[in-house]
Amino acid sequence: MVGHIAQTGQIVATDFRAGNVSPNTDNLGFIKTCQDALPKDTNIKKLRIDAAGYQASIIDYCFENDIEFSIRAKMCQSLKDILVDKDNQWQPLVDKKGKAIDGQATFRMRHFMGDKGKVFDLIVQRSVVTGQVELELELDLGLDLDLDLDLDLDLNSNNNTQAPEQITTGPYIYRAIATNLEILSDSKIVHFYNQRAEDSENRIKELKNDFGAKQMPCADFNANALYFDICSLSYNLFALMRQLLPFEFVNKRAKYIRYRLYAIAAKVIKTGRKVIIKCQAQYYQLLTKVLNDIKAFKPLLS
């Protein structure tokens, strides 16, 4: 399991598990681990989780700690009759520019889990099975970096075609998002949840493909766990460095920065007490900007 901070792109915590451990195991404990790993007076304000986090204990914890959540709900068969009810107030799903998306609609219903569970909203999504339209995702950098953090958790390893978080009936696929974001419209909640694709899932791809976490080095579980933590630490150092680079690098992967910055052909000349870097004129402005930004950075612990 991997927890990401949406605003900074960093990994806040990991839980290296054996492959036969259910993705539903102790997810609340992992959320608490993420909170404990944050600096003092810094709290989780928003939480996005895949279907493995759809648990009454997690939802109750969010209500108790004033955490706004957006969790992919598991679609039990008992919801089927409700979903296909012709009287449901379906609304067209709109993109971030306010334009209706063909073949996609939503409606909102109240729901709860367990005998004493808190009541929350289910945003039900209905998509046409064929010719589905993909949403265009845009990066939305969060605010309140010093106090409140958006936490994205990737917990689910279930990749079945007919996943537990969706059901198909007639010409439609139905999914739902559990949330307490009552002030947001259905479409905005869908877009907020889909932001996980950028803030968590794509960053896990970076961790695997750019920092060696795709394949473990040996058959020893503890050694592999240590190796994964080293990969995560390397990724975090890169994420911190990326924040100091010019804006064009803010969302770029390591291989892009290696090609665009590290691989610049140059000659280092030492003369007297100076170190001079000689390179082609086209790179001068970029290197000057990078070096000046790094020099201007004042570490908090200096």
Foldseek 3Di string as FASTA:
>chain_A
DWKAWQQLLATQDDDQDDPPDALLPPPVVVVVSSQVSDDPQAGAAEEAEEQSPQDLVNQVVCVVVNHWYKYWHFDDPVCVVVVPPPPFPWDFQAAPVRHGFPFKTWGKDWDADDPPGDIWIKIKMKGFPPPGDDHDADRDNDDPVVHYTYMYDYRHPDDDPCDRQWDDDDRIIMGIITTRPVVDDSNVSVNVNVCCVQSPVVSVVLLVPVQPLVDADDDDSVNSVVSSVVSSVVSNVVSVLQVLAPPVSNRPGPVVCCVVPVPFDWDWDDDDPDIDIGGDPVCVVRVVSSVVSVVPDDDPVD
